[in-house]
Amino acid sequence: MSEWLSPPYYTELPAPEPEYYMNGPWVDVRFSIEYGMGLAIDGDLKDPNNKFNNNPALDAQYQGPIPYTKNLVAKAEGLKVDPKYYAPEGWDPLSAGLQYANTVFKIIKQIPCNRGDPESNNLFDSWAAGTGQNYGGHPPQAPIGIPAGEGQ
């Protein structure tokens, strides 16, 4: 791939759409649940090379695409009952979690593991393959001039 994305990677954060309401004698505010979901992935996409790299020291949600998706579905379920957010009628946490996970996956497919490696794999493919800790996110390559399998 010749054209990689440059930061900021996530530029379509949903608007907060604040909703003001009376809470006893006080005026409180809550925000759109889509804004809450956008914030969840925005944080992950601020430093994606350190989140989507198969580092075993990271939280379980960053160990692959499936745990990440499950975590976003759980996040959506949590936001739906969080009084700081409101959801439109019929809003579905499963659909929202899948939608936001796919947004992240689409973006990290356009980010290199290592910009200094001309053969760098994208973050998503190396993360899914478990090669994110390798230079450039691809399996080690034999040194130039040595046939693969020799000298190892």
C-alpha atoms as a PDB file:
ATOM      1  CA  MET A   1       0.000   0.000   0.000  1.00  0.00           C
ATOM      2  CA  SER A   2       1.468   3.341  -0.942  1.00  0.00           C
ATOM      3  CA  GLU A   3      -0.986   5.754   0.703  1.00  0.00           C
ATOM      4  CA  TRP A   4      -1.285   5.356   4.452  1.00  0.00           C
ATOM      5  CA  LEU A   5      -3.544   7.445   6.658  1.00  0.00           C
ATOM      6  CA  SER A   6      -1.984  10.112   8.839  1.00  0.00           C
ATOM      7  CA  PRO A   7      -3.286  11.208  12.250  1.00  0.00           C
ATOM      8  CA  PRO A   8      -5.857  12.124  13.296  1.00  0.00           C
ATOM      9  CA  TYR A   9      -7.337   8.825  12.169  1.00  0.00           C
ATOM     10  CA  TYR A  10     -10.894   9.188  13.446  1.00  0.00           C
ATOM     11  CA  THR A  11     -12.380  12.465  12.291  1.00  0.00           C
ATOM     12  CA  GLU A  12     -16.099  11.662  12.321  1.00  0.00           C
ATOM     13  CA  LEU A  13     -16.850  11.714  16.044  1.00  0.00           C
ATOM     14  CA  PRO A  14     -20.638  12.048  16.363  1.00  0.00           C
ATOM     15  CA  ALA A  15     -21.931  15.332  17.783  1.00  0.00           C
ATOM     16  CA  PRO A  16     -22.686  15.215  21.528  1.00  0.00           C
ATOM     17  CA  GLU A  17     -26.262  16.493  20.982  1.00  0.00           C
ATOM     18  CA  PRO A  18     -26.757  17.454  24.651  1.00  0.00           C
ATOM     19  CA  GLU A  19     -30.176  17.004  26.145  1.00  0.00           C
ATOM     20  CA  TYR A  20     -31.018  19.077  29.198  1.00  0.00           C
ATOM     21  CA  TYR A  21     -33.595  17.882  31.711  1.00  0.00           C
ATOM     22  CA  MET A  22     -34.801  18.629  35.207  1.00  0.00           C
ATOM     23  CA  ASN A  23     -33.424  16.352  37.887  1.00  0.00           C
ATOM     24  CA  GLY A  24     -35.306  17.523  40.974  1.00  0.00           C
ATOM     25  CA  PRO A  25     -34.318  21.164  41.478  1.00  0.00           C
ATOM     26  CA  TRP A  26     -31.263  20.851  39.195  1.00  0.00           C
ATOM     27  CA  VAL A  27     -30.815  20.979  35.460  1.00  0.00           C
ATOM     28  CA  ASP A  28     -28.778  18.011  34.253  1.00  0.00           C
ATOM     29  CA  VAL A  29     -27.395  17.129  30.873  1.00  0.00           C
ATOM     30  CA  ARG A  30     -26.904  13.878  29.046  1.00  0.00           C
ATOM     31  CA  PHE A  31     -25.437  13.157  25.650  1.00  0.00           C
ATOM     32  CA  SER A  32     -26.242  11.093  22.582  1.00  0.00           C
ATOM     33  CA  ILE A  33     -25.266   7.445  22.957  1.00  0.00           C
ATOM     34  CA  GLU A  34     -23.640   7.646  19.513  1.00  0.00           C
ATOM     35  CA  TYR A  35     -21.320  10.290  20.956  1.00  0.00           C
ATOM     36  CA  GLY A  36     -20.400   7.888  23.771  1.00  0.00           C
ATOM     37  CA  MET A  37     -19.617   5.123  21.278  1.00  0.00           C
ATOM     38  CA  GLY A  38     -17.586   7.541  19.178  1.00  0.00           C
ATOM     39  CA  LEU A  39     -15.559   8.502  22.242  1.00  0.00           C
ATOM     40  CA  ALA A  40     -14.879   4.809  22.924  1.00  0.00           C
ATOM     41  CA  ILE A  41     -13.229   4.233  19.554  1.00  0.00           C
ATOM     42  CA  ASP A  42     -11.670   7.699  19.385  1.00  0.00           C
ATOM     43  CA  GLY A  43      -9.535   6.820  22.394  1.00  0.00           C
ATOM     44  CA  ASP A  44      -8.365   3.601  20.747  1.00  0.00           C
ATOM     45  CA  LEU A  45      -7.534   5.361  17.491  1.00  0.00           C
ATOM     46  CA  LYS A  46      -5.456   8.118  19.106  1.00  0.00           C
ATOM     47  CA  ASP A  47      -2.520   5.683  19.414  1.00  0.00           C
ATOM     48  CA  PRO A  48      -3.487   2.633  17.348  1.00  0.00           C
ATOM     49  CA  ASN A  49       0.058   1.292  16.903  1.00  0.00           C
ATOM     50  CA  ASN A  50       0.201   0.667  20.644  1.00  0.00           C
ATOM     51  CA  LYS A  51      -3.287  -0.818  20.934  1.00  0.00           C
ATOM     52  CA  PHE A  52      -3.578  -3.130  17.931  1.00  0.00           C
ATOM     53  CA  ASN A  53      -0.178  -4.830  18.005  1.00  0.00           C
ATOM     54  CA  ASN A  54      -0.720  -8.194  19.756  1.00  0.00           C
ATOM     55  CA  ASN A  55       1.102  -7.051  22.888  1.00  0.00           C
ATOM     56  CA  PRO A  56       0.192  -9.704  25.495  1.00  0.00           C
ATOM     57  CA  ALA A  57       0.465  -7.067  28.257  1.00  0.00           C
ATOM     58  CA  LEU A  58      -2.563  -5.169  26.904  1.00  0.00           C
ATOM     59  CA  ASP A  59      -6.125  -5.676  28.125  1.00  0.00           C
ATOM     60  CA  ALA A  60      -7.989  -8.690  26.749  1.00  0.00           C
ATOM     61  CA  GLN A  61     -10.054  -6.515  24.386  1.00  0.00           C
ATOM     62  CA  TYR A  62      -6.909  -5.738  22.370  1.00  0.00           C
ATOM     63  CA  GLN A  63      -5.902  -9.367  21.829  1.00  0.00           C
ATOM     64  CA  GLY A  64      -7.744  -9.645  18.517  1.00  0.00           C
ATOM     65  CA  PRO A  65     -10.711  -8.502  16.441  1.00  0.00           C
ATOM     66  CA  ILE A  66     -13.250 -10.803  18.098  1.00  0.00           C
ATOM     67  CA  PRO A  67     -12.506  -9.775  21.705  1.00  0.00           C
ATOM     68  CA  TYR A  68     -12.418  -6.152  20.564  1.00  0.00           C
ATOM     69  CA  THR A  69     -15.844  -6.453  18.946  1.00  0.00           C
ATOM     70  CA  LYS A  70     -17.292  -8.192  22.004  1.00  0.00           C
ATOM     71  CA  ASN A  71     -15.916  -5.393  24.177  1.00  0.00           C
ATOM     72  CA  LEU A  72     -17.569  -2.714  22.023  1.00  0.00           C
ATOM     73  CA  VAL A  73     -20.903  -4.555  22.213  1.00  0.00           C
ATOM     74  CA  ALA A  74     -20.513  -4.664  26.015  1.00  0.00           C
ATOM     75  CA  LYS A  75     -19.618  -0.956  25.987  1.00  0.00           C
ATOM     76  CA  ALA A  76     -22.785  -0.208  24.002  1.00  0.00           C
ATOM     77  CA  GLU A  77     -24.871  -2.229  26.473  1.00  0.00           C
ATOM     78  CA  GLY A  78     -23.302  -0.284  29.349  1.00  0.00           C
ATOM     79  CA  LEU A  79     -23.909   3.086  27.725  1.00  0.00           C
ATOM     80  CA  LYS A  80     -27.550   2.195  27.100  1.00  0.00           C
ATOM     81  CA  VAL A  81     -28.160   2.037  30.859  1.00  0.00           C
ATOM     82  CA  ASP A  82     -25.784   4.893  31.755  1.00  0.00           C
ATOM     83  CA  PRO A  83     -27.778   7.975  32.804  1.00  0.00           C
ATOM     84  CA  LYS A  84     -25.149  10.217  31.164  1.00  0.00           C
ATOM     85  CA  TYR A  85     -26.375   9.073  27.737  1.00  0.00           C
ATOM     86  CA  TYR A  86     -29.673   8.716  25.930  1.00  0.00           C
ATOM     87  CA  ALA A  87     -30.512   6.454  23.023  1.00  0.00           C
ATOM     88  CA  PRO A  88     -33.187   6.787  20.354  1.00  0.00           C
ATOM     89  CA  GLU A  89     -36.084   4.361  20.382  1.00  0.00           C
ATOM     90  CA  GLY A  90     -35.003   0.976  19.004  1.00  0.00           C
ATOM     91  CA  TRP A  91     -31.260   1.607  19.378  1.00  0.00           C
ATOM     92  CA  ASP A  92     -29.559  -1.794  19.433  1.00  0.00           C
ATOM     93  CA  PRO A  93     -26.276  -2.327  21.347  1.00  0.00           C
ATOM     94  CA  LEU A  94     -25.282  -5.334  19.227  1.00  0.00           C
ATOM     95  CA  SER A  95     -25.669  -3.428  15.959  1.00  0.00           C
ATOM     96  CA  ALA A  96     -23.894  -0.388  17.394  1.00  0.00           C
ATOM     97  CA  GLY A  97     -20.976  -2.462  18.716  1.00  0.00           C
ATOM     98  CA  LEU A  98     -20.551  -4.158  15.339  1.00  0.00           C
ATOM     99  CA  GLN A  99     -20.816  -0.861  13.479  1.00  0.00           C
ATOM    100  CA  TYR A 100     -18.163   0.853  15.586  1.00  0.00           C
ATOM    101  CA  ALA A 101     -15.860  -2.195  15.527  1.00  0.00           C
ATOM    102  CA  ASN A 102     -16.074  -2.222  11.727  1.00  0.00           C
ATOM    103  CA  THR A 103     -15.284   1.501  11.660  1.00  0.00           C
ATOM    104  CA  VAL A 104     -12.106   0.829  13.663  1.00  0.00           C
ATOM    105  CA  PHE A 105     -11.175  -2.131  11.463  1.00  0.00           C
ATOM    106  CA  LYS A 106     -11.614  -0.086   8.290  1.00  0.00           C
ATOM    107  CA  ILE A 107      -9.372   2.647   9.677  1.00  0.00           C
ATOM    108  CA  ILE A 108      -6.596   0.409  10.999  1.00  0.00           C
ATOM    109  CA  LYS A 109      -6.421  -1.355   7.625  1.00  0.00           C
ATOM    110  CA  GLN A 110      -5.101   1.993   6.364  1.00  0.00           C
ATOM    111  CA  ILE A 111      -2.403   2.424   9.042  1.00  0.00           C
ATOM    112  CA  PRO A 112       1.022   0.772   8.715  1.00  0.00           C
ATOM    113  CA  CYS A 113       2.602  -1.228  11.510  1.00  0.00           C
ATOM    114  CA  ASN A 114       5.892   0.480  10.760  1.00  0.00           C
ATOM    115  CA  ARG A 115       6.165   3.432   8.393  1.00  0.00           C
ATOM    116  CA  GLY A 116       9.909   2.770   8.098  1.00  0.00           C
ATOM    117  CA  ASP A 117       9.353  -0.670   6.575  1.00  0.00           C
ATOM    118  CA  PRO A 118       8.516  -0.435   2.852  1.00  0.00           C
ATOM    119  CA  GLU A 119       6.874  -3.872   3.111  1.00  0.00           C
ATOM    120  CA  SER A 120       4.895  -2.963   6.240  1.00  0.00           C
ATOM    121  CA  ASN A 121       1.648  -4.760   6.783  1.00  0.00           C
ATOM    122  CA  ASN A 122      -1.403  -2.785   7.891  1.00  0.00           C
ATOM    123  CA  LEU A 123      -2.385  -2.860  11.560  1.00  0.00           C
ATOM    124  CA  PHE A 124      -5.550  -4.889  11.095  1.00  0.00           C
ATOM    125  CA  ASP A 125      -4.032  -7.714   9.072  1.00  0.00           C
ATOM    126  CA  SER A 126      -1.018  -8.082  11.362  1.00  0.00           C
ATOM    127  CA  TRP A 127      -3.230  -7.868  14.465  1.00  0.00           C
ATOM    128  CA  ALA A 128      -5.598 -10.544  13.124  1.00  0.00           C
ATOM    129  CA  ALA A 129      -2.654 -12.759  12.074  1.00  0.00           C
ATOM    130  CA  GLY A 130      -0.878 -12.327  15.413  1.00  0.00           C
ATOM    131  CA  THR A 131       2.220 -10.783  13.814  1.00  0.00           C
ATOM    132  CA  GLY A 132       1.776  -7.277  15.217  1.00  0.00           C
ATOM    133  CA  GLN A 133       4.866  -7.572  17.432  1.00  0.00           C
ATOM    134  CA  ASN A 134       7.085  -8.242  14.385  1.00  0.00           C
ATOM    135  CA  TYR A 135       8.903  -5.457  12.550  1.00  0.00           C
ATOM    136  CA  GLY A 136       6.456  -4.206   9.928  1.00  0.00           C
ATOM    137  CA  GLY A 137       3.779  -6.598  11.191  1.00  0.00           C
ATOM    138  CA  HIS A 138       4.818  -9.405   8.866  1.00  0.00           C
ATOM    139  CA  PRO A 139       6.651 -12.667   9.503  1.00  0.00           C
ATOM    140  CA  PRO A 140      10.435 -12.284   9.645  1.00  0.00           C
ATOM    141  CA  GLN A 141      12.040 -12.300   6.229  1.00  0.00           C
ATOM    142  CA  ALA A 142      15.263 -14.083   5.300  1.00  0.00           C
ATOM    143  CA  PRO A 143      18.233 -11.739   4.796  1.00  0.00           C
ATOM    144  CA  ILE A 144      18.828 -10.706   1.194  1.00  0.00           C
ATOM    145  CA  GLY A 145      20.948 -13.237  -0.669  1.00  0.00           C
ATOM    146  CA  ILE A 146      20.120 -16.144   1.641  1.00  0.00           C
ATOM    147  CA  PRO A 147      17.387 -18.473   0.395  1.00  0.00           C
ATOM    148  CA  ALA A 148      14.487 -18.920   2.799  1.00  0.00           C
ATOM    149  CA  GLY A 149      15.108 -21.805   5.188  1.00  0.00           C
ATOM    150  CA  GLU A 150      18.913 -21.545   5.057  1.00  0.00           C
ATOM    151  CA  GLY A 151      21.026 -19.898   7.718  1.00  0.00           C
ATOM    152  CA  GLN A 152      18.400 -20.339  10.409  1.00  0.00           C
END
